[in-house]
PDB file of N, CA and C in Angstrom:
ATOM      1  N   UNK A   1     138.617 147.501  88.329  1.00  0.00           N
ATOM      2  CA  UNK A   1     138.009 148.660  88.944  1.00  0.00           C
ATOM      3  C   UNK A   1     136.596 148.894  88.383  1.00  0.00           C
ATOM      4  N   UNK A   2     136.428 148.699  87.076  1.00  0.00           N
ATOM      5  CA  UNK A   2     135.110 148.877  86.455  1.00  0.00           C
ATOM      6  C   UNK A   2     134.116 147.900  87.077  1.00  0.00           C
ATOM      7  N   UNK A   3     134.565 146.679  87.286  1.00  0.00           N
ATOM      8  CA  UNK A   3     133.699 145.659  87.889  1.00  0.00           C
ATOM      9  C   UNK A   3     133.226 146.099  89.273  1.00  0.00           C
ATOM     10  N   UNK A   4     134.130 146.641  90.080  1.00  0.00           N
ATOM     11  CA  UNK A   4     133.763 147.128  91.409  1.00  0.00           C
ATOM     12  C   UNK A   4     132.753 148.259  91.332  1.00  0.00           C
ATOM     13  N   UNK A   5     132.944 149.148  90.369  1.00  0.00           N
ATOM     14  CA  UNK A   5     132.012 150.268  90.200  1.00  0.00           C
ATOM     15  C   UNK A   5     130.619 149.772  89.825  1.00  0.00           C
ATOM     16  N   UNK A   6     130.561 148.834  88.905  1.00  0.00           N
ATOM     17  CA  UNK A   6     129.271 148.316  88.439  1.00  0.00           C
ATOM     18  C   UNK A   6     128.561 147.547  89.561  1.00  0.00           C
ATOM     19  N   UNK A   7     129.291 146.678  90.237  1.00  0.00           N
ATOM     20  CA  UNK A   7     128.686 145.898  91.328  1.00  0.00           C
ATOM     21  C   UNK A   7     128.191 146.821  92.433  1.00  0.00           C
ATOM     22  N   UNK A   8     129.008 147.802  92.786  1.00  0.00           N
ATOM     23  CA  UNK A   8     128.613 148.741  93.835  1.00  0.00           C
ATOM     24  C   UNK A   8     127.361 149.512  93.452  1.00  0.00           C
ATOM     25  N   UNK A   9     127.290 149.964  92.216  1.00  0.00           N
ATOM     26  CA  UNK A   9     126.122 150.725  91.770  1.00  0.00           C
ATOM     27  C   UNK A   9     124.864 149.856  91.783  1.00  0.00           C
ATOM     28  N   UNK A  10     124.968 148.651  91.265  1.00  0.00           N
ATOM     29  CA  UNK A  10     123.808 147.747  91.236  1.00  0.00           C
ATOM     30  C   UNK A  10     123.323 147.454  92.655  1.00  0.00           C
ATOM     31  N   UNK A  11     124.254 147.125  93.554  1.00  0.00           N
ATOM     32  CA  UNK A  11     123.871 146.826  94.935  1.00  0.00           C
ATOM     33  C   UNK A  11     123.271 148.049  95.621  1.00  0.00           C
ATOM     34  N   UNK A  12     123.876 149.203  95.419  1.00  0.00           N
ATOM     35  CA  UNK A  12     123.375 150.427  96.053  1.00  0.00           C
ATOM     36  C   UNK A  12     121.968 150.747  95.578  1.00  0.00           C
ATOM     37  N   UNK A  13     121.749 150.689  94.272  1.00  0.00           N
ATOM     38  CA  UNK A  13     120.410 150.980  93.743  1.00  0.00           C
ATOM     39  C   UNK A  13     119.398 149.972  94.274  1.00  0.00           C
ATOM     40  N   UNK A  14     119.762 148.699  94.300  1.00  0.00           N
ATOM     41  CA  UNK A  14     118.847 147.667  94.801  1.00  0.00           C
ATOM     42  C   UNK A  14     118.555 147.877  96.290  1.00  0.00           C
ATOM     43  N   UNK A  15     119.587 148.094  97.076  1.00  0.00           N
ATOM     44  CA  UNK A  15     119.398 148.246  98.519  1.00  0.00           C
ATOM     45  C   UNK A  15     118.632 149.521  98.865  1.00  0.00           C
ATOM     46  N   UNK A  16     118.984 150.628  98.229  1.00  0.00           N
ATOM     47  CA  UNK A  16     118.289 151.880  98.546  1.00  0.00           C
ATOM     48  C   UNK A  16     116.870 151.885  97.995  1.00  0.00           C
ATOM     49  N   UNK A  17     116.631 151.191  96.890  1.00  0.00           N
ATOM     50  CA  UNK A  17     115.259 151.044  96.393  1.00  0.00           C
ATOM     51  C   UNK A  17     114.433 150.210  97.374  1.00  0.00           C
ATOM     52  N   UNK A  18     115.029 149.148  97.892  1.00  0.00           N
ATOM     53  CA  UNK A  18     114.365 148.349  98.914  1.00  0.00           C
ATOM     54  C   UNK A  18     114.079 149.166 100.165  1.00  0.00           C
ATOM     55  N   UNK A  19     115.038 149.981 100.568  1.00  0.00           N
ATOM     56  CA  UNK A  19     114.850 150.856 101.724  1.00  0.00           C
ATOM     57  C   UNK A  19     113.707 151.836 101.470  1.00  0.00           C
ATOM     58  N   UNK A  20     113.667 152.384 100.276  1.00  0.00           N
ATOM     59  CA  UNK A  20     112.591 153.291  99.858  1.00  0.00           C
ATOM     60  C   UNK A  20     111.236 152.624 100.064  1.00  0.00           C
ATOM     61  N   UNK A  21     111.109 151.404  99.595  1.00  0.00           N
ATOM     62  CA  UNK A  21     109.852 150.670  99.714  1.00  0.00           C
ATOM     63  C   UNK A  21     109.553 150.291 101.169  1.00  0.00           C
ATOM     64  N   UNK A  22     110.585 149.908 101.907  1.00  0.00           N
ATOM     65  CA  UNK A  22     110.403 149.545 103.315  1.00  0.00           C
ATOM     66  C   UNK A  22     109.922 150.722 104.162  1.00  0.00           C
ATOM     67  N   UNK A  23     110.260 151.927 103.744  1.00  0.00           N
ATOM     68  CA  UNK A  23     109.823 153.109 104.495  1.00  0.00           C
ATOM     69  C   UNK A  23     108.424 153.553 104.084  1.00  0.00           C
ATOM     70  N   UNK A  24     107.776 152.766 103.230  1.00  0.00           N
ATOM     71  CA  UNK A  24     106.390 153.051 102.867  1.00  0.00           C
ATOM     72  C   UNK A  24     106.214 153.981 101.685  1.00  0.00           C
ATOM     73  N   UNK A  25     107.292 154.339 101.054  1.00  0.00           N
ATOM     74  CA  UNK A  25     107.189 155.228  99.897  1.00  0.00           C
ATOM     75  C   UNK A  25     106.798 154.409  98.668  1.00  0.00           C
ATOM     76  N   UNK A  26     105.956 154.994  97.820  1.00  0.00           N
ATOM     77  CA  UNK A  26     105.469 154.271  96.648  1.00  0.00           C
ATOM     78  C   UNK A  26     105.471 155.109  95.372  1.00  0.00           C
ATOM     79  N   UNK A  27     105.773 156.388  95.478  1.00  0.00           N
ATOM     80  CA  UNK A  27     105.732 157.257  94.308  1.00  0.00           C
ATOM     81  C   UNK A  27     106.803 156.820  93.297  1.00  0.00           C
ATOM     82  N   UNK A  28     106.378 156.475  92.096  1.00  0.00           N
ATOM     83  CA  UNK A  28     107.301 155.964  91.075  1.00  0.00           C
ATOM     84  C   UNK A  28     108.307 157.024  90.633  1.00  0.00           C
ATOM     85  N   UNK A  29     107.893 158.277  90.596  1.00  0.00           N
ATOM     86  CA  UNK A  29     108.834 159.343  90.210  1.00  0.00           C
ATOM     87  C   UNK A  29     109.887 159.550  91.290  1.00  0.00           C
ATOM     88  N   UNK A  30     109.510 159.397  92.549  1.00  0.00           N
ATOM     89  CA  UNK A  30     110.498 159.483  93.624  1.00  0.00           C
ATOM     90  C   UNK A  30     111.473 158.308  93.569  1.00  0.00           C
ATOM     91  N   UNK A  31     110.964 157.135  93.221  1.00  0.00           N
ATOM     92  CA  UNK A  31     111.848 155.981  93.072  1.00  0.00           C
ATOM     93  C   UNK A  31     112.818 156.194  91.917  1.00  0.00           C
ATOM     94  N   UNK A  32     112.330 156.739  90.819  1.00  0.00           N
ATOM     95  CA  UNK A  32     113.220 157.062  89.698  1.00  0.00           C
ATOM     96  C   UNK A  32     114.255 158.103  90.124  1.00  0.00           C
ATOM     97  N   UNK A  33     113.836 159.095  90.892  1.00  0.00           N
ATOM     98  CA  UNK A  33     114.768 160.106  91.399  1.00  0.00           C
ATOM     99  C   UNK A  33     115.847 159.451  92.248  1.00  0.00           C
ATOM    100  N   UNK A  34     115.455 158.528  93.111  1.00  0.00           N
ATOM    101  CA  UNK A  34     116.420 157.812  93.944  1.00  0.00           C
ATOM    102  C   UNK A  34     117.449 157.098  93.074  1.00  0.00           C
ATOM    103  N   UNK A  35     116.985 156.421  92.047  1.00  0.00           N
ATOM    104  CA  UNK A  35     117.895 155.704  91.149  1.00  0.00           C
ATOM    105  C   UNK A  35     118.840 156.692  90.463  1.00  0.00           C
ATOM    106  N   UNK A  36     118.299 157.778  89.949  1.00  0.00           N
ATOM    107  CA  UNK A  36     119.123 158.755  89.222  1.00  0.00           C
ATOM    108  C   UNK A  36     120.175 159.408  90.107  1.00  0.00           C
ATOM    109  N   UNK A  37     119.806 159.804  91.323  1.00  0.00           N
ATOM    110  CA  UNK A  37     120.807 160.445  92.178  1.00  0.00           C
ATOM    111  C   UNK A  37     121.889 159.451  92.578  1.00  0.00           C
ATOM    112  N   UNK A  38     121.530 158.179  92.721  1.00  0.00           N
ATOM    113  CA  UNK A  38     122.548 157.181  93.036  1.00  0.00           C
ATOM    114  C   UNK A  38     123.444 156.881  91.840  1.00  0.00           C
ATOM    115  N   UNK A  39     122.904 156.986  90.639  1.00  0.00           N
ATOM    116  CA  UNK A  39     123.728 156.816  89.438  1.00  0.00           C
ATOM    117  C   UNK A  39     124.765 157.948  89.353  1.00  0.00           C
ATOM    118  N   UNK A  40     124.431 159.098  89.888  1.00  0.00           N
ATOM    119  CA  UNK A  40     125.369 160.225  89.903  1.00  0.00           C
ATOM    120  C   UNK A  40     126.371 160.086  91.052  1.00  0.00           C
ATOM    121  N   UNK A  41     125.884 159.833  92.262  1.00  0.00           N
ATOM    122  CA  UNK A  41     126.777 159.887  93.427  1.00  0.00           C
ATOM    123  C   UNK A  41     127.600 158.628  93.644  1.00  0.00           C
ATOM    124  N   UNK A  42     127.007 157.455  93.455  1.00  0.00           N
ATOM    125  CA  UNK A  42     127.716 156.227  93.785  1.00  0.00           C
ATOM    126  C   UNK A  42     129.024 156.051  93.013  1.00  0.00           C
ATOM    127  N   UNK A  43     129.031 156.197  91.690  1.00  0.00           N
ATOM    128  CA  UNK A  43     130.308 156.016  90.990  1.00  0.00           C
ATOM    129  C   UNK A  43     131.387 157.019  91.425  1.00  0.00           C
ATOM    130  N   UNK A  44     130.998 158.235  91.720  1.00  0.00           N
ATOM    131  CA  UNK A  44     131.966 159.244  92.173  1.00  0.00           C
ATOM    132  C   UNK A  44     132.565 158.833  93.511  1.00  0.00           C
ATOM    133  N   UNK A  45     131.704 158.481  94.450  1.00  0.00           N
ATOM    134  CA  UNK A  45     132.164 158.093  95.789  1.00  0.00           C
ATOM    135  C   UNK A  45     133.043 156.849  95.713  1.00  0.00           C
ATOM    136  N   UNK A  46     132.602 155.843  94.998  1.00  0.00           N
ATOM    137  CA  UNK A  46     133.355 154.587  94.919  1.00  0.00           C
ATOM    138  C   UNK A  46     134.681 154.796  94.186  1.00  0.00           C
ATOM    139  N   UNK A  47     134.658 155.528  93.097  1.00  0.00           N
ATOM    140  CA  UNK A  47     135.897 155.770  92.354  1.00  0.00           C
ATOM    141  C   UNK A  47     136.923 156.515  93.205  1.00  0.00           C
ATOM    142  N   UNK A  48     136.501 157.578  93.864  1.00  0.00           N
ATOM    143  CA  UNK A  48     137.440 158.334  94.700  1.00  0.00           C
ATOM    144  C   UNK A  48     137.959 157.500  95.861  1.00  0.00           C
ATOM    145  N   UNK A  49     137.098 156.674  96.432  1.00  0.00           N
ATOM    146  CA  UNK A  49     137.522 155.789  97.513  1.00  0.00           C
ATOM    147  C   UNK A  49     138.547 154.768  97.003  1.00  0.00           C
ATOM    148  N   UNK A  50     138.257 154.145  95.866  1.00  0.00           N
ATOM    149  CA  UNK A  50     139.189 153.154  95.311  1.00  0.00           C
ATOM    150  C   UNK A  50     140.524 153.789  94.934  1.00  0.00           C
ATOM    151  N   UNK A  51     140.485 154.961  94.333  1.00  0.00           N
ATOM    152  CA  UNK A  51     141.732 155.647  93.978  1.00  0.00           C
ATOM    153  C   UNK A  51     142.552 155.980  95.221  1.00  0.00           C
ATOM    154  N   UNK A  52     141.887 156.441  96.266  1.00  0.00           N
ATOM    155  CA  UNK A  52     142.587 156.732  97.518  1.00  0.00           C
ATOM    156  C   UNK A  52     143.189 155.467  98.112  1.00  0.00           C
ATOM    157  N   UNK A  53     142.458 154.356  98.022  1.00  0.00           N
ATOM    158  CA  UNK A  53     142.980 153.113  98.602  1.00  0.00           C
ATOM    159  C   UNK A  53     144.147 152.549  97.793  1.00  0.00           C
ATOM    160  N   UNK A  54     144.142 152.757  96.477  1.00  0.00           N
ATOM    161  CA  UNK A  54     145.222 152.238  95.631  1.00  0.00           C
ATOM    162  C   UNK A  54     146.461 153.119  95.630  1.00  0.00           C
ATOM    163  N   UNK A  55     146.266 154.429  95.656  1.00  0.00           N
ATOM    164  CA  UNK A  55     147.374 155.346  95.391  1.00  0.00           C
ATOM    165  C   UNK A  55     147.819 156.204  96.567  1.00  0.00           C
ATOM    166  N   UNK A  56     147.212 156.036  97.728  1.00  0.00           N
ATOM    167  CA  UNK A  56     147.643 156.803  98.896  1.00  0.00           C
ATOM    168  C   UNK A  56     147.764 155.870 100.084  1.00  0.00           C
ATOM    169  N   UNK A  57     148.353 156.381 101.119  1.00  0.00           N
ATOM    170  CA  UNK A  57     148.395 155.619 102.375  1.00  0.00           C
ATOM    171  C   UNK A  57     147.529 156.301 103.427  1.00  0.00           C
ATOM    172  N   UNK A  58     146.536 157.050 102.954  1.00  0.00           N
ATOM    173  CA  UNK A  58     145.618 157.749 103.848  1.00  0.00           C
ATOM    174  C   UNK A  58     144.766 156.751 104.623  1.00  0.00           C
ATOM    175  N   UNK A  59     144.326 157.172 105.776  1.00  0.00           N
ATOM    176  CA  UNK A  59     143.370 156.404 106.553  1.00  0.00           C
ATOM    177  C   UNK A  59     142.052 156.406 105.783  1.00  0.00           C
ATOM    178  N   UNK A  60     141.584 155.241 105.374  1.00  0.00           N
ATOM    179  CA  UNK A  60     140.416 155.164 104.490  1.00  0.00           C
ATOM    180  C   UNK A  60     139.111 155.575 105.164  1.00  0.00           C
ATOM    181  N   UNK A  61     139.062 155.500 106.478  1.00  0.00           N
ATOM    182  CA  UNK A  61     137.879 156.014 107.184  1.00  0.00           C
ATOM    183  C   UNK A  61     137.804 157.526 106.998  1.00  0.00           C
ATOM    184  N   UNK A  62     138.962 158.177 107.024  1.00  0.00           N
ATOM    185  CA  UNK A  62     138.989 159.632 106.843  1.00  0.00           C
ATOM    186  C   UNK A  62     138.716 160.030 105.393  1.00  0.00           C
ATOM    187  N   UNK A  63     138.834 159.105 104.483  1.00  0.00           N
ATOM    188  CA  UNK A  63     138.449 159.322 103.086  1.00  0.00           C
ATOM    189  C   UNK A  63     136.947 159.072 102.942  1.00  0.00           C
ATOM    190  N   UNK A  64     136.485 157.996 103.540  1.00  0.00           N
ATOM    191  CA  UNK A  64     135.088 157.578 103.395  1.00  0.00           C
ATOM    192  C   UNK A  64     134.096 158.584 103.987  1.00  0.00           C
ATOM    193  N   UNK A  65     134.400 159.113 105.149  1.00  0.00           N
ATOM    194  CA  UNK A  65     133.445 159.998 105.834  1.00  0.00           C
ATOM    195  C   UNK A  65     133.081 161.222 104.999  1.00  0.00           C
ATOM    196  N   UNK A  66     134.041 162.000 104.479  1.00  0.00           N
ATOM    197  CA  UNK A  66     133.624 163.153 103.670  1.00  0.00           C
ATOM    198  C   UNK A  66     132.933 162.754 102.367  1.00  0.00           C
ATOM    199  N   UNK A  67     133.311 161.621 101.791  1.00  0.00           N
ATOM    200  CA  UNK A  67     132.646 161.159 100.578  1.00  0.00           C
ATOM    201  C   UNK A  67     131.184 160.816 100.859  1.00  0.00           C
ATOM    202  N   UNK A  68     130.922 160.125 101.948  1.00  0.00           N
ATOM    203  CA  UNK A  68     129.547 159.780 102.316  1.00  0.00           C
ATOM    204  C   UNK A  68     128.745 161.026 102.685  1.00  0.00           C
ATOM    205  N   UNK A  69     129.386 161.968 103.362  1.00  0.00           N
ATOM    206  CA  UNK A  69     128.695 163.222 103.690  1.00  0.00           C
ATOM    207  C   UNK A  69     128.302 163.951 102.410  1.00  0.00           C
ATOM    208  N   UNK A  70     129.212 163.989 101.440  1.00  0.00           N
ATOM    209  CA  UNK A  70     128.889 164.598 100.141  1.00  0.00           C
ATOM    210  C   UNK A  70     127.675 163.916  99.522  1.00  0.00           C
ATOM    211  N   UNK A  71     127.668 162.583  99.502  1.00  0.00           N
ATOM    212  CA  UNK A  71     126.564 161.839  98.889  1.00  0.00           C
ATOM    213  C   UNK A  71     125.254 162.134  99.621  1.00  0.00           C
ATOM    214  N   UNK A  72     125.286 162.126 100.933  1.00  0.00           N
ATOM    215  CA  UNK A  72     124.077 162.390 101.726  1.00  0.00           C
ATOM    216  C   UNK A  72     123.543 163.786 101.450  1.00  0.00           C
ATOM    217  N   UNK A  73     124.426 164.766 101.442  1.00  0.00           N
ATOM    218  CA  UNK A  73     123.984 166.146 101.220  1.00  0.00           C
ATOM    219  C   UNK A  73     123.460 166.353  99.801  1.00  0.00           C
ATOM    220  N   UNK A  74     124.144 165.809  98.809  1.00  0.00           N
ATOM    221  CA  UNK A  74     123.697 165.961  97.429  1.00  0.00           C
ATOM    222  C   UNK A  74     122.365 165.253  97.201  1.00  0.00           C
ATOM    223  N   UNK A  75     122.260 164.030  97.671  1.00  0.00           N
ATOM    224  CA  UNK A  75     121.020 163.272  97.504  1.00  0.00           C
ATOM    225  C   UNK A  75     119.879 163.932  98.268  1.00  0.00           C
ATOM    226  N   UNK A  76     120.152 164.373  99.498  1.00  0.00           N
ATOM    227  CA  UNK A  76     119.130 165.061 100.277  1.00  0.00           C
ATOM    228  C   UNK A  76     118.642 166.320  99.580  1.00  0.00           C
ATOM    229  N   UNK A  77     119.575 167.067  98.997  1.00  0.00           N
ATOM    230  CA  UNK A  77     119.200 168.265  98.246  1.00  0.00           C
ATOM    231  C   UNK A  77     118.271 167.903  97.084  1.00  0.00           C
ATOM    232  N   UNK A  78     118.631 166.880  96.340  1.00  0.00           N
ATOM    233  CA  UNK A  78     117.807 166.449  95.199  1.00  0.00           C
ATOM    234  C   UNK A  78     116.437 165.970  95.653  1.00  0.00           C
ATOM    235  N   UNK A  79     116.388 165.205  96.745  1.00  0.00           N
ATOM    236  CA  UNK A  79     115.096 164.742  97.255  1.00  0.00           C
ATOM    237  C   UNK A  79     114.248 165.924  97.716  1.00  0.00           C
ATOM    238  N   UNK A  80     114.892 166.895  98.324  1.00  0.00           N
ATOM    239  CA  UNK A  80     114.180 168.080  98.804  1.00  0.00           C
ATOM    240  C   UNK A  80     113.636 168.915  97.642  1.00  0.00           C
ATOM    241  N   UNK A  81     114.448 169.093  96.634  1.00  0.00           N
ATOM    242  CA  UNK A  81     114.074 169.964  95.520  1.00  0.00           C
ATOM    243  C   UNK A  81     113.103 169.292  94.548  1.00  0.00           C
ATOM    244  N   UNK A  82     113.306 168.010  94.267  1.00  0.00           N
ATOM    245  CA  UNK A  82     112.542 167.353  93.205  1.00  0.00           C
ATOM    246  C   UNK A  82     111.598 166.250  93.693  1.00  0.00           C
ATOM    247  N   UNK A  83     111.744 165.820  94.932  1.00  0.00           N
ATOM    248  CA  UNK A  83     110.942 164.721  95.430  1.00  0.00           C
ATOM    249  C   UNK A  83     109.534 165.137  95.812  1.00  0.00           C
ATOM    250  N   UNK A  84     108.670 164.133  95.916  1.00  0.00           N
ATOM    251  CA  UNK A  84     107.276 164.358  96.293  1.00  0.00           C
ATOM    252  C   UNK A  84     106.980 163.848  97.696  1.00  0.00           C
ATOM    253  N   UNK A  85     107.497 162.680  98.047  1.00  0.00           N
ATOM    254  CA  UNK A  85     107.159 162.023  99.310  1.00  0.00           C
ATOM    255  C   UNK A  85     108.235 162.147 100.381  1.00  0.00           C
ATOM    256  N   UNK A  86     109.243 162.935 100.162  1.00  0.00           N
ATOM    257  CA  UNK A  86     110.350 163.024 101.115  1.00  0.00           C
ATOM    258  C   UNK A  86     110.073 164.155 102.112  1.00  0.00           C
ATOM    259  N   UNK A  87     109.469 163.803 103.257  1.00  0.00           N
ATOM    260  CA  UNK A  87     109.130 164.801 104.266  1.00  0.00           C
ATOM    261  C   UNK A  87     110.395 165.350 104.941  1.00  0.00           C
ATOM    262  N   UNK A  88     111.356 164.464 105.179  1.00  0.00           N
ATOM    263  CA  UNK A  88     112.646 164.847 105.770  1.00  0.00           C
ATOM    264  C   UNK A  88     113.741 164.281 104.865  1.00  0.00           C
ATOM    265  N   UNK A  89     114.003 164.960 103.749  1.00  0.00           N
ATOM    266  CA  UNK A  89     114.867 164.387 102.713  1.00  0.00           C
ATOM    267  C   UNK A  89     116.297 164.093 103.157  1.00  0.00           C
ATOM    268  N   UNK A  90     116.856 164.929 104.011  1.00  0.00           N
ATOM    269  CA  UNK A  90     118.234 164.691 104.437  1.00  0.00           C
ATOM    270  C   UNK A  90     118.307 163.516 105.414  1.00  0.00           C
ATOM    271  N   UNK A  91     117.301 163.359 106.244  1.00  0.00           N
ATOM    272  CA  UNK A  91     117.245 162.208 107.146  1.00  0.00           C
ATOM    273  C   UNK A  91     117.066 160.936 106.327  1.00  0.00           C
ATOM    274  N   UNK A  92     116.174 160.982 105.336  1.00  0.00           N
ATOM    275  CA  UNK A  92     115.990 159.821 104.474  1.00  0.00           C
ATOM    276  C   UNK A  92     117.302 159.473 103.773  1.00  0.00           C
ATOM    277  N   UNK A  93     117.975 160.475 103.219  1.00  0.00           N
ATOM    278  CA  UNK A  93     119.226 160.245 102.509  1.00  0.00           C
ATOM    279  C   UNK A  93     120.269 159.616 103.429  1.00  0.00           C
ATOM    280  N   UNK A  94     120.410 160.158 104.629  1.00  0.00           N
ATOM    281  CA  UNK A  94     121.383 159.605 105.574  1.00  0.00           C
ATOM    282  C   UNK A  94     121.030 158.166 105.938  1.00  0.00           C
ATOM    283  N   UNK A  95     119.761 157.918 106.234  1.00  0.00           N
ATOM    284  CA  UNK A  95     119.342 156.570 106.616  1.00  0.00           C
ATOM    285  C   UNK A  95     119.529 155.578 105.471  1.00  0.00           C
ATOM    286  N   UNK A  96     119.172 155.978 104.255  1.00  0.00           N
ATOM    287  CA  UNK A  96     119.326 155.091 103.096  1.00  0.00           C
ATOM    288  C   UNK A  96     120.796 154.781 102.842  1.00  0.00           C
ATOM    289  N   UNK A  97     121.652 155.785 102.977  1.00  0.00           N
ATOM    290  CA  UNK A  97     123.087 155.572 102.751  1.00  0.00           C
ATOM    291  C   UNK A  97     123.705 154.706 103.842  1.00  0.00           C
ATOM    292  N   UNK A  98     123.304 154.933 105.080  1.00  0.00           N
ATOM    293  CA  UNK A  98     123.804 154.096 106.175  1.00  0.00           C
ATOM    294  C   UNK A  98     123.338 152.652 105.979  1.00  0.00           C
ATOM    295  N   UNK A  99     122.065 152.481 105.640  1.00  0.00           N
ATOM    296  CA  UNK A  99     121.522 151.148 105.391  1.00  0.00           C
ATOM    297  C   UNK A  99     122.287 150.436 104.278  1.00  0.00           C
ATOM    298  N   UNK A 100     122.455 151.104 103.136  1.00  0.00           N
ATOM    299  CA  UNK A 100     123.113 150.437 102.000  1.00  0.00           C
ATOM    300  C   UNK A 100     124.594 150.183 102.288  1.00  0.00           C
ATOM    301  N   UNK A 101     125.248 151.088 103.009  1.00  0.00           N
ATOM    302  CA  UNK A 101     126.657 150.884 103.340  1.00  0.00           C
ATOM    303  C   UNK A 101     126.824 149.630 104.204  1.00  0.00           C
ATOM    304  N   UNK A 102     126.048 149.546 105.294  1.00  0.00           N
ATOM    305  CA  UNK A 102     126.218 148.420 106.214  1.00  0.00           C
ATOM    306  C   UNK A 102     125.725 147.107 105.631  1.00  0.00           C
ATOM    307  N   UNK A 103     124.709 147.164 104.802  1.00  0.00           N
ATOM    308  CA  UNK A 103     124.287 145.946 104.106  1.00  0.00           C
ATOM    309  C   UNK A 103     125.389 145.500 103.126  1.00  0.00           C
ATOM    310  N   UNK A 104     126.037 146.446 102.485  1.00  0.00           N
ATOM    311  CA  UNK A 104     127.163 146.123 101.607  1.00  0.00           C
ATOM    312  C   UNK A 104     128.309 145.485 102.372  1.00  0.00           C
ATOM    313  N   UNK A 105     128.604 146.013 103.557  1.00  0.00           N
ATOM    314  CA  UNK A 105     129.647 145.424 104.410  1.00  0.00           C
ATOM    315  C   UNK A 105     129.259 143.985 104.776  1.00  0.00           C
ATOM    316  N   UNK A 106     128.005 143.787 105.144  1.00  0.00           N
ATOM    317  CA  UNK A 106     127.517 142.447 105.489  1.00  0.00           C
ATOM    318  C   UNK A 106     127.624 141.496 104.303  1.00  0.00           C
ATOM    319  N   UNK A 107     127.227 141.962 103.126  1.00  0.00           N
ATOM    320  CA  UNK A 107     127.297 141.121 101.918  1.00  0.00           C
ATOM    321  C   UNK A 107     128.748 140.747 101.617  1.00  0.00           C
ATOM    322  N   UNK A 108     129.659 141.709 101.732  1.00  0.00           N
ATOM    323  CA  UNK A 108     131.078 141.408 101.495  1.00  0.00           C
ATOM    324  C   UNK A 108     131.590 140.374 102.490  1.00  0.00           C
ATOM    325  N   UNK A 109     131.169 140.506 103.733  1.00  0.00           N
ATOM    326  CA  UNK A 109     131.579 139.559 104.764  1.00  0.00           C
ATOM    327  C   UNK A 109     131.070 138.157 104.461  1.00  0.00           C
ATOM    328  N   UNK A 110     129.828 138.064 104.001  1.00  0.00           N
ATOM    329  CA  UNK A 110     129.232 136.760 103.720  1.00  0.00           C
ATOM    330  C   UNK A 110     129.769 136.112 102.448  1.00  0.00           C
ATOM    331  N   UNK A 111     130.191 136.935 101.497  1.00  0.00           N
ATOM    332  CA  UNK A 111     130.703 136.426 100.232  1.00  0.00           C
ATOM    333  C   UNK A 111     132.188 136.251 100.370  1.00  0.00           C
TER     334      UNK A 111
END
């Protein structure tokens, strides 16, 4: 489980940092903020998802959706409050999370 948490965090930070750069953002403090908020949200989301998948028979899509919404809202709040270049912080947060999620799905499929 620790391995999954570490791999997920590394991939998420790398993918969302790449997304940050692809959207034309360059502020180093905003990039650090992105990394920090993902260090907070990613392990929580992944851990709760893994625990639900191991110990319940719940529909995992119904587990994933509220967890991702939590991450988007928390990250968007942080970008709004502390960010410099985030004109639409909640849209950025949603787009970055969608991008990293689907890229992660693609990477899992390819590996």
